[in-house]
């Protein structure tokens, strides 16, 4: 199992939402990414959790989190466990008083719950190998660092440096 983060939420060419998972230890533009197609409502729930913008009324995933808290359980693990015929499968492992319960889940629901509980998302190695795609994105630029470096350069530049 490989721990991953949400690298993005996008729309494909047919306007279908896709959540993109990326191993925690890989930088943008390196390694592989795992695109998982999800429904529009699930994408909205994930986006709401990512933006830290709570809805006026609890969404289903907020209710799930509250139910888990109410019964004294903890989310131990969120995992995308397999892919069969193009369909991804996930599991939510709950820890209750002295036992574990493993629940079958759609990846979109499991990912949304992970965001609400602060749980790490895991992907089976074979799933990433079979369904992952190369990450060919350009590395992200830290604009604040770029501006700071340029300001530092301007403070120490001498016009004579540019004479030929």
N, C-alpha and C. Protein backbone atom coordinates (compact mmCIF):
# COMPACT_ATOMS: atom_id res chain seq x y z
N UNK A 1 0.84 -1.18 0.00
CA UNK A 1 0.00 0.00 0.00
C UNK A 1 0.88 1.25 0.00
N UNK A 2 0.44 2.23 -0.75
CA UNK A 2 1.19 3.48 -0.91
C UNK A 2 0.33 4.64 -0.39
N UNK A 3 0.86 5.46 0.52
CA UNK A 3 0.10 6.62 0.96
C UNK A 3 0.06 7.68 -0.14
N UNK A 4 -1.11 8.28 -0.35
CA UNK A 4 -1.27 9.26 -1.42
C UNK A 4 -1.94 10.52 -0.89
N UNK A 5 -1.88 11.56 -1.72
CA UNK A 5 -2.58 12.81 -1.45
C UNK A 5 -3.45 13.13 -2.66
N UNK A 6 -4.36 14.04 -2.48
CA UNK A 6 -5.16 14.49 -3.62
C UNK A 6 -4.34 15.55 -4.35
N UNK A 7 -3.96 15.24 -5.58
CA UNK A 7 -3.16 16.16 -6.38
C UNK A 7 -4.04 17.11 -7.16
N UNK A 8 -5.31 16.77 -7.31
CA UNK A 8 -6.20 17.66 -8.03
C UNK A 8 -7.56 17.05 -8.24
N UNK A 9 -8.46 17.91 -8.64
CA UNK A 9 -9.81 17.55 -9.01
C UNK A 9 -10.02 18.24 -10.34
N UNK A 10 -10.40 17.49 -11.36
CA UNK A 10 -10.47 18.05 -12.70
C UNK A 10 -11.68 17.51 -13.44
N UNK A 11 -11.88 18.02 -14.64
CA UNK A 11 -12.90 17.51 -15.55
C UNK A 11 -12.18 16.93 -16.76
N UNK A 12 -12.62 15.76 -17.23
CA UNK A 12 -12.02 15.20 -18.43
C UNK A 12 -12.65 15.86 -19.66
N UNK A 13 -12.29 15.39 -20.84
CA UNK A 13 -12.79 16.00 -22.08
C UNK A 13 -14.30 15.87 -22.24
N UNK A 14 -14.91 14.92 -21.53
CA UNK A 14 -16.36 14.75 -21.59
C UNK A 14 -17.06 15.44 -20.41
N UNK A 15 -16.29 16.30 -19.69
CA UNK A 15 -16.80 17.04 -18.54
C UNK A 15 -17.17 16.14 -17.36
N UNK A 16 -16.52 14.97 -17.28
CA UNK A 16 -16.72 14.05 -16.15
C UNK A 16 -15.67 14.37 -15.08
N UNK A 17 -16.08 14.48 -13.80
CA UNK A 17 -15.11 14.77 -12.73
C UNK A 17 -14.13 13.63 -12.51
N UNK A 18 -12.90 14.01 -12.23
CA UNK A 18 -11.82 13.06 -11.96
C UNK A 18 -11.06 13.55 -10.74
N UNK A 19 -10.88 12.67 -9.76
CA UNK A 19 -10.00 13.00 -8.64
C UNK A 19 -8.66 12.35 -8.95
N UNK A 20 -7.59 13.10 -8.73
CA UNK A 20 -6.25 12.62 -9.08
C UNK A 20 -5.46 12.42 -7.80
N UNK A 21 -5.00 11.19 -7.60
CA UNK A 21 -4.21 10.84 -6.42
C UNK A 21 -2.75 10.73 -6.81
N UNK A 22 -1.88 11.11 -5.88
CA UNK A 22 -0.44 11.13 -6.13
C UNK A 22 0.29 10.64 -4.89
N UNK A 23 1.26 9.72 -5.03
CA UNK A 23 2.02 9.28 -3.85
C UNK A 23 2.61 10.46 -3.07
N UNK A 24 2.54 10.36 -1.76
CA UNK A 24 3.02 11.44 -0.89
C UNK A 24 4.49 11.78 -1.12
N UNK A 25 5.30 10.77 -1.43
CA UNK A 25 6.74 11.01 -1.54
C UNK A 25 7.20 11.43 -2.94
N UNK A 26 6.26 11.70 -3.85
CA UNK A 26 6.63 12.12 -5.20
C UNK A 26 6.25 13.57 -5.44
N UNK A 27 7.16 14.28 -6.07
CA UNK A 27 6.93 15.68 -6.41
C UNK A 27 6.11 15.78 -7.70
N UNK A 28 5.53 16.94 -7.92
CA UNK A 28 4.82 17.21 -9.17
C UNK A 28 5.77 17.01 -10.34
N UNK A 29 5.31 16.30 -11.37
CA UNK A 29 6.13 16.05 -12.54
C UNK A 29 6.98 14.79 -12.44
N UNK A 30 6.87 14.07 -11.35
CA UNK A 30 7.64 12.84 -11.15
C UNK A 30 6.69 11.68 -10.88
N UNK A 31 7.12 10.48 -11.22
CA UNK A 31 6.38 9.28 -10.87
C UNK A 31 5.04 9.14 -11.59
N UNK A 32 4.05 8.66 -10.84
CA UNK A 32 2.75 8.36 -11.43
C UNK A 32 1.64 9.06 -10.67
N UNK A 33 0.49 9.17 -11.33
CA UNK A 33 -0.73 9.70 -10.73
C UNK A 33 -1.83 8.69 -11.00
N UNK A 34 -2.84 8.69 -10.15
CA UNK A 34 -3.95 7.77 -10.32
C UNK A 34 -5.24 8.58 -10.51
N UNK A 35 -5.76 8.60 -11.75
CA UNK A 35 -7.05 9.29 -11.97
C UNK A 35 -8.20 8.33 -11.67
N UNK A 36 -9.17 8.81 -10.89
CA UNK A 36 -10.36 8.02 -10.59
C UNK A 36 -11.57 8.87 -10.95
N UNK A 37 -12.38 8.37 -11.89
CA UNK A 37 -13.58 9.10 -12.31
C UNK A 37 -14.64 8.95 -11.23
N UNK A 38 -15.28 10.06 -10.89
CA UNK A 38 -16.29 10.08 -9.84
C UNK A 38 -17.52 10.84 -10.33
N UNK A 39 -18.58 10.81 -9.56
CA UNK A 39 -19.79 11.53 -9.91
C UNK A 39 -19.70 13.01 -9.56
N UNK A 40 -20.59 13.79 -10.12
CA UNK A 40 -20.60 15.23 -9.90
C UNK A 40 -20.87 15.61 -8.45
N UNK A 41 -21.82 14.94 -7.81
CA UNK A 41 -22.12 15.25 -6.41
C UNK A 41 -20.95 14.89 -5.50
N UNK A 42 -20.30 13.78 -5.80
CA UNK A 42 -19.15 13.36 -5.01
C UNK A 42 -18.00 14.34 -5.20
N UNK A 43 -17.82 14.83 -6.42
CA UNK A 43 -16.78 15.82 -6.68
C UNK A 43 -17.06 17.10 -5.89
N UNK A 44 -18.32 17.51 -5.84
CA UNK A 44 -18.69 18.71 -5.09
C UNK A 44 -18.40 18.52 -3.60
N UNK A 45 -18.67 17.32 -3.07
CA UNK A 45 -18.41 17.04 -1.66
C UNK A 45 -16.92 17.06 -1.37
N UNK A 46 -16.11 16.51 -2.26
CA UNK A 46 -14.65 16.52 -2.09
C UNK A 46 -14.14 17.95 -2.19
N UNK A 47 -14.63 18.70 -3.16
CA UNK A 47 -14.21 20.09 -3.32
C UNK A 47 -14.56 20.92 -2.09
N UNK A 48 -15.74 20.70 -1.53
CA UNK A 48 -16.14 21.43 -0.31
C UNK A 48 -15.17 21.14 0.83
N UNK A 49 -14.76 19.88 0.96
CA UNK A 49 -13.82 19.52 2.03
C UNK A 49 -12.43 20.10 1.76
N UNK A 50 -12.01 20.10 0.49
CA UNK A 50 -10.69 20.65 0.16
C UNK A 50 -10.63 22.15 0.38
N UNK A 51 -11.75 22.83 0.13
CA UNK A 51 -11.75 24.29 0.22
C UNK A 51 -12.03 24.77 1.64
N UNK A 52 -12.25 23.84 2.57
CA UNK A 52 -12.55 24.20 3.95
C UNK A 52 -13.74 25.16 4.03
N UNK A 53 -14.70 24.94 3.16
CA UNK A 53 -15.89 25.78 3.08
C UNK A 53 -17.10 24.93 3.45
N UNK A 54 -17.45 24.86 4.75
CA UNK A 54 -18.53 23.96 5.14
C UNK A 54 -19.87 24.40 4.56
N UNK A 55 -20.67 23.43 4.13
CA UNK A 55 -22.00 23.77 3.61
C UNK A 55 -22.91 24.20 4.75
N UNK A 56 -24.00 24.89 4.44
CA UNK A 56 -24.91 25.33 5.50
C UNK A 56 -25.57 24.16 6.24
N UNK A 57 -25.75 23.05 5.55
CA UNK A 57 -26.31 21.83 6.14
C UNK A 57 -25.32 20.71 5.90
N UNK A 58 -25.25 19.73 6.79
CA UNK A 58 -24.28 18.65 6.60
C UNK A 58 -24.58 17.82 5.35
N UNK A 59 -23.51 17.51 4.62
CA UNK A 59 -23.61 16.59 3.49
C UNK A 59 -23.56 15.16 4.05
N UNK A 60 -23.83 14.19 3.20
CA UNK A 60 -23.84 12.80 3.63
C UNK A 60 -22.52 12.40 4.29
N UNK A 61 -21.39 12.86 3.74
CA UNK A 61 -20.10 12.51 4.32
C UNK A 61 -19.89 13.16 5.68
N UNK A 62 -20.45 14.35 5.88
CA UNK A 62 -20.38 14.99 7.20
C UNK A 62 -21.20 14.18 8.20
N UNK A 63 -22.35 13.70 7.76
CA UNK A 63 -23.19 12.85 8.60
C UNK A 63 -22.45 11.56 8.95
N UNK A 64 -21.77 10.96 7.96
CA UNK A 64 -20.99 9.74 8.23
C UNK A 64 -19.95 10.00 9.31
N UNK A 65 -19.24 11.10 9.20
CA UNK A 65 -18.21 11.43 10.19
C UNK A 65 -18.85 11.59 11.57
N UNK A 66 -19.98 12.27 11.63
CA UNK A 66 -20.65 12.47 12.92
C UNK A 66 -21.14 11.14 13.51
N UNK A 67 -21.64 10.25 12.66
CA UNK A 67 -22.07 8.93 13.13
C UNK A 67 -20.90 8.13 13.69
N UNK A 68 -19.79 8.17 12.98
CA UNK A 68 -18.59 7.46 13.43
C UNK A 68 -18.16 8.00 14.79
N UNK A 69 -18.16 9.32 14.93
CA UNK A 69 -17.81 9.94 16.22
C UNK A 69 -18.81 9.55 17.31
N UNK A 70 -20.10 9.56 16.96
CA UNK A 70 -21.15 9.30 17.94
C UNK A 70 -21.07 7.89 18.52
N UNK A 71 -20.64 6.93 17.73
CA UNK A 71 -20.56 5.55 18.22
C UNK A 71 -19.17 5.23 18.79
N UNK A 72 -18.31 6.24 18.87
CA UNK A 72 -17.00 6.05 19.48
C UNK A 72 -16.02 5.29 18.63
N UNK A 73 -16.19 5.35 17.32
CA UNK A 73 -15.27 4.65 16.42
C UNK A 73 -14.25 5.65 15.86
N UNK A 74 -13.19 5.11 15.28
CA UNK A 74 -12.17 5.91 14.61
C UNK A 74 -11.94 5.34 13.22
N UNK A 75 -11.68 6.21 12.26
CA UNK A 75 -11.31 5.75 10.93
C UNK A 75 -9.83 5.41 10.99
N UNK A 76 -9.52 4.14 10.86
CA UNK A 76 -8.14 3.66 10.93
C UNK A 76 -7.44 3.74 9.57
N UNK A 77 -8.22 3.48 8.51
CA UNK A 77 -7.58 3.39 7.19
C UNK A 77 -8.62 3.62 6.11
N UNK A 78 -8.20 4.35 5.10
CA UNK A 78 -8.97 4.53 3.87
C UNK A 78 -8.07 3.98 2.77
N UNK A 79 -8.56 3.04 1.98
CA UNK A 79 -7.70 2.41 0.98
C UNK A 79 -8.45 2.14 -0.31
N UNK A 80 -7.81 2.49 -1.44
CA UNK A 80 -8.28 2.06 -2.75
C UNK A 80 -7.59 0.72 -2.97
N UNK A 81 -8.39 -0.34 -2.97
CA UNK A 81 -7.84 -1.69 -2.86
C UNK A 81 -7.69 -2.46 -4.16
N UNK A 82 -8.54 -2.16 -5.14
CA UNK A 82 -8.45 -2.94 -6.38
C UNK A 82 -9.19 -2.21 -7.49
N UNK A 83 -8.95 -2.71 -8.71
CA UNK A 83 -9.67 -2.24 -9.89
C UNK A 83 -10.07 -3.48 -10.68
N UNK A 84 -11.34 -3.55 -11.04
CA UNK A 84 -11.85 -4.67 -11.83
C UNK A 84 -12.73 -4.12 -12.94
N UNK A 85 -12.44 -4.47 -14.17
CA UNK A 85 -13.21 -4.03 -15.33
C UNK A 85 -13.41 -2.52 -15.34
N UNK A 86 -12.36 -1.78 -14.96
CA UNK A 86 -12.41 -0.33 -14.98
C UNK A 86 -13.09 0.31 -13.78
N UNK A 87 -13.55 -0.50 -12.83
CA UNK A 87 -14.20 0.02 -11.63
C UNK A 87 -13.25 -0.09 -10.45
N UNK A 88 -13.06 1.04 -9.74
CA UNK A 88 -12.21 1.06 -8.56
C UNK A 88 -13.03 0.67 -7.33
N UNK A 89 -12.38 0.00 -6.38
CA UNK A 89 -13.00 -0.40 -5.13
C UNK A 89 -12.17 0.14 -3.99
N UNK A 90 -12.86 0.49 -2.90
CA UNK A 90 -12.16 1.02 -1.73
C UNK A 90 -12.71 0.37 -0.47
N UNK A 91 -11.96 0.53 0.60
CA UNK A 91 -12.39 0.04 1.91
C UNK A 91 -12.14 1.11 2.96
N UNK A 92 -13.05 1.17 3.91
CA UNK A 92 -12.90 2.03 5.08
C UNK A 92 -12.75 1.09 6.27
N UNK A 93 -11.65 1.21 6.99
CA UNK A 93 -11.44 0.39 8.18
C UNK A 93 -11.73 1.25 9.40
N UNK A 94 -12.72 0.80 10.18
CA UNK A 94 -13.10 1.48 11.41
C UNK A 94 -12.60 0.69 12.61
N UNK A 95 -12.12 1.41 13.60
CA UNK A 95 -11.72 0.80 14.85
C UNK A 95 -12.81 1.13 15.87
N UNK A 96 -13.39 0.09 16.43
CA UNK A 96 -14.40 0.27 17.46
C UNK A 96 -13.88 -0.36 18.74
N UNK A 97 -14.61 -0.32 19.77
CA UNK A 97 -14.16 -0.83 21.07
C UNK A 97 -13.57 -2.23 20.97
N UNK A 98 -12.28 -2.29 20.69
CA UNK A 98 -11.58 -3.56 20.67
C UNK A 98 -11.64 -4.35 19.38
N UNK A 99 -12.32 -3.85 18.35
CA UNK A 99 -12.37 -4.61 17.10
C UNK A 99 -12.26 -3.67 15.90
N UNK A 100 -12.03 -4.28 14.77
CA UNK A 100 -11.99 -3.53 13.51
C UNK A 100 -13.12 -3.98 12.62
N UNK A 101 -13.68 -3.04 11.90
CA UNK A 101 -14.71 -3.32 10.92
C UNK A 101 -14.23 -2.78 9.59
N UNK A 102 -14.26 -3.60 8.55
CA UNK A 102 -13.86 -3.17 7.22
C UNK A 102 -15.12 -3.06 6.37
N UNK A 103 -15.33 -1.86 5.84
CA UNK A 103 -16.53 -1.58 5.06
C UNK A 103 -16.16 -1.36 3.60
N UNK A 104 -16.91 -1.99 2.70
CA UNK A 104 -16.76 -1.76 1.27
C UNK A 104 -17.28 -0.35 0.97
N UNK A 105 -16.59 0.39 0.09
CA UNK A 105 -17.00 1.76 -0.22
C UNK A 105 -16.60 2.13 -1.64
N UNK A 106 -17.30 3.10 -2.17
CA UNK A 106 -16.84 3.70 -3.43
C UNK A 106 -15.63 4.57 -3.10
N UNK A 107 -14.64 4.63 -3.98
CA UNK A 107 -13.47 5.46 -3.70
C UNK A 107 -13.83 6.92 -3.43
N UNK A 108 -14.81 7.45 -4.15
CA UNK A 108 -15.17 8.86 -3.94
C UNK A 108 -15.68 9.09 -2.52
N UNK A 109 -16.48 8.18 -2.00
CA UNK A 109 -16.98 8.32 -0.63
C UNK A 109 -15.84 8.14 0.38
N UNK A 110 -14.99 7.16 0.14
CA UNK A 110 -13.87 6.92 1.05
C UNK A 110 -12.92 8.12 1.08
N UNK A 111 -12.63 8.69 -0.08
CA UNK A 111 -11.74 9.86 -0.15
C UNK A 111 -12.38 11.05 0.55
N UNK A 112 -13.67 11.26 0.30
CA UNK A 112 -14.37 12.36 0.96
C UNK A 112 -14.37 12.20 2.48
N UNK A 113 -14.55 10.97 2.96
CA UNK A 113 -14.51 10.72 4.40
C UNK A 113 -13.10 10.94 4.95
N UNK A 114 -12.09 10.54 4.20
CA UNK A 114 -10.70 10.75 4.63
C UNK A 114 -10.43 12.23 4.84
N UNK A 115 -10.93 13.06 3.94
CA UNK A 115 -10.73 14.50 4.07
C UNK A 115 -11.40 15.03 5.34
N UNK A 116 -12.56 14.49 5.67
CA UNK A 116 -13.31 14.98 6.83
C UNK A 116 -12.76 14.46 8.16
N UNK A 117 -12.01 13.37 8.11
CA UNK A 117 -11.49 12.78 9.35
C UNK A 117 -9.97 12.96 9.48
N UNK A 118 -9.33 13.51 8.47
CA UNK A 118 -7.88 13.68 8.52
C UNK A 118 -7.14 12.37 8.34
N UNK A 119 -7.77 11.39 7.74
CA UNK A 119 -7.16 10.07 7.55
C UNK A 119 -6.27 10.05 6.31
N UNK A 120 -5.24 9.23 6.39
CA UNK A 120 -4.37 9.03 5.23
C UNK A 120 -5.10 8.15 4.22
N UNK A 121 -4.95 8.46 2.96
CA UNK A 121 -5.52 7.66 1.87
C UNK A 121 -4.40 6.75 1.37
N UNK A 122 -4.71 5.47 1.20
CA UNK A 122 -3.74 4.49 0.72
C UNK A 122 -4.24 3.92 -0.61
N UNK A 123 -3.31 3.56 -1.47
CA UNK A 123 -3.64 2.89 -2.73
C UNK A 123 -2.79 1.63 -2.83
N UNK A 124 -3.42 0.54 -3.20
CA UNK A 124 -2.71 -0.72 -3.40
C UNK A 124 -1.66 -0.53 -4.51
N UNK A 125 -0.48 -1.07 -4.30
CA UNK A 125 0.62 -0.94 -5.27
C UNK A 125 0.20 -1.38 -6.67
N UNK A 126 -0.50 -2.50 -6.75
CA UNK A 126 -0.90 -3.04 -8.05
C UNK A 126 -1.90 -2.12 -8.76
N UNK A 127 -2.78 -1.48 -8.00
CA UNK A 127 -3.75 -0.55 -8.58
C UNK A 127 -3.01 0.63 -9.21
N UNK A 128 -2.04 1.18 -8.48
CA UNK A 128 -1.27 2.31 -9.02
C UNK A 128 -0.47 1.88 -10.25
N UNK A 129 0.06 0.67 -10.22
CA UNK A 129 0.83 0.18 -11.36
C UNK A 129 -0.06 -0.03 -12.59
N UNK A 130 -1.24 -0.62 -12.39
CA UNK A 130 -2.13 -0.93 -13.51
C UNK A 130 -2.86 0.29 -14.06
N UNK A 131 -3.33 1.17 -13.18
CA UNK A 131 -4.20 2.26 -13.62
C UNK A 131 -3.54 3.63 -13.55
N UNK A 132 -2.34 3.69 -12.98
CA UNK A 132 -1.65 4.98 -12.88
C UNK A 132 -1.13 5.45 -14.23
N UNK A 133 -0.96 6.75 -14.32
CA UNK A 133 -0.42 7.36 -15.54
C UNK A 133 0.81 8.18 -15.16
N UNK A 134 1.74 8.37 -16.10
CA UNK A 134 2.92 9.19 -15.79
C UNK A 134 2.52 10.62 -15.44
N UNK A 135 3.17 11.18 -14.44
CA UNK A 135 2.94 12.57 -14.06
C UNK A 135 3.88 13.43 -14.89
N UNK A 136 3.34 14.05 -15.91
CA UNK A 136 4.14 14.88 -16.82
C UNK A 136 3.85 16.36 -16.62
N UNK A 137 3.24 16.70 -15.48
CA UNK A 137 2.95 18.10 -15.20
C UNK A 137 4.23 18.86 -14.88
N UNK A 138 4.20 20.15 -15.13
CA UNK A 138 5.32 21.01 -14.77
C UNK A 138 5.34 21.18 -13.26
N UNK A 139 6.53 21.13 -12.66
CA UNK A 139 6.60 21.37 -11.21
C UNK A 139 6.01 22.74 -10.87
N UNK A 140 5.35 22.79 -9.71
CA UNK A 140 4.75 24.03 -9.27
C UNK A 140 5.82 25.02 -8.86
N UNK A 141 5.60 26.29 -9.18
CA UNK A 141 6.55 27.34 -8.84
C UNK A 141 6.05 28.05 -7.59
N UNK A 142 6.93 28.22 -6.64
CA UNK A 142 6.60 28.97 -5.43
C UNK A 142 6.79 30.45 -5.76
N UNK A 143 5.70 31.13 -6.07
CA UNK A 143 5.77 32.52 -6.52
C UNK A 143 6.37 33.43 -5.46
N UNK A 144 6.07 33.22 -4.20
CA UNK A 144 6.63 34.05 -3.14
C UNK A 144 8.15 33.92 -3.10
N UNK A 145 8.66 32.70 -3.26
CA UNK A 145 10.10 32.47 -3.26
C UNK A 145 10.74 33.12 -4.49
N UNK A 146 10.05 33.03 -5.63
CA UNK A 146 10.57 33.66 -6.85
C UNK A 146 10.67 35.18 -6.69
N UNK A 147 9.63 35.79 -6.14
CA UNK A 147 9.62 37.25 -5.93
C UNK A 147 10.71 37.63 -4.94
N UNK A 148 10.88 36.85 -3.87
CA UNK A 148 11.91 37.14 -2.88
C UNK A 148 13.31 37.05 -3.49
N UNK A 149 13.53 36.02 -4.31
CA UNK A 149 14.83 35.87 -4.97
C UNK A 149 15.10 37.03 -5.92
N UNK A 150 14.08 37.44 -6.67
CA UNK A 150 14.26 38.56 -7.60
C UNK A 150 14.52 39.86 -6.83
N UNK A 151 13.82 40.07 -5.73
CA UNK A 151 14.04 41.27 -4.90
C UNK A 151 15.46 41.29 -4.36
N UNK A 152 15.93 40.12 -3.92
CA UNK A 152 17.31 40.01 -3.43
C UNK A 152 18.30 40.36 -4.54
N UNK A 153 18.04 39.85 -5.74
CA UNK A 153 18.89 40.15 -6.89
C UNK A 153 18.93 41.66 -7.15
N UNK A 154 17.76 42.31 -7.14
CA UNK A 154 17.69 43.75 -7.42
C UNK A 154 18.44 44.57 -6.37
N UNK A 155 18.43 44.12 -5.12
CA UNK A 155 19.11 44.85 -4.06
C UNK A 155 20.63 44.85 -4.25
N UNK A 156 21.15 43.83 -4.89
CA UNK A 156 22.60 43.68 -4.99
C UNK A 156 23.14 43.85 -6.41
N UNK A 157 22.27 44.14 -7.34
CA UNK A 157 22.74 44.28 -8.72
C UNK A 157 23.40 45.66 -8.91
N UNK A 158 24.42 45.67 -9.71
CA UNK A 158 25.11 46.91 -10.06
C UNK A 158 24.96 47.11 -11.55
N UNK A 159 24.56 48.32 -12.01
CA UNK A 159 24.38 48.55 -13.45
C UNK A 159 25.62 48.15 -14.26
N UNK A 160 26.77 48.20 -13.65
CA UNK A 160 28.00 47.84 -14.38
C UNK A 160 28.04 46.34 -14.70
N UNK A 161 27.25 45.57 -13.96
CA UNK A 161 27.19 44.14 -14.24
C UNK A 161 26.69 43.84 -15.63
N UNK A 162 25.97 44.78 -16.22
CA UNK A 162 25.34 44.55 -17.52
C UNK A 162 26.12 45.16 -18.68
N UNK A 163 27.27 45.77 -18.40
CA UNK A 163 28.05 46.34 -19.48
C UNK A 163 28.87 45.26 -20.16
N UNK A 164 28.94 45.37 -21.46
CA UNK A 164 29.63 44.36 -22.25
C UNK A 164 31.01 44.61 -22.41
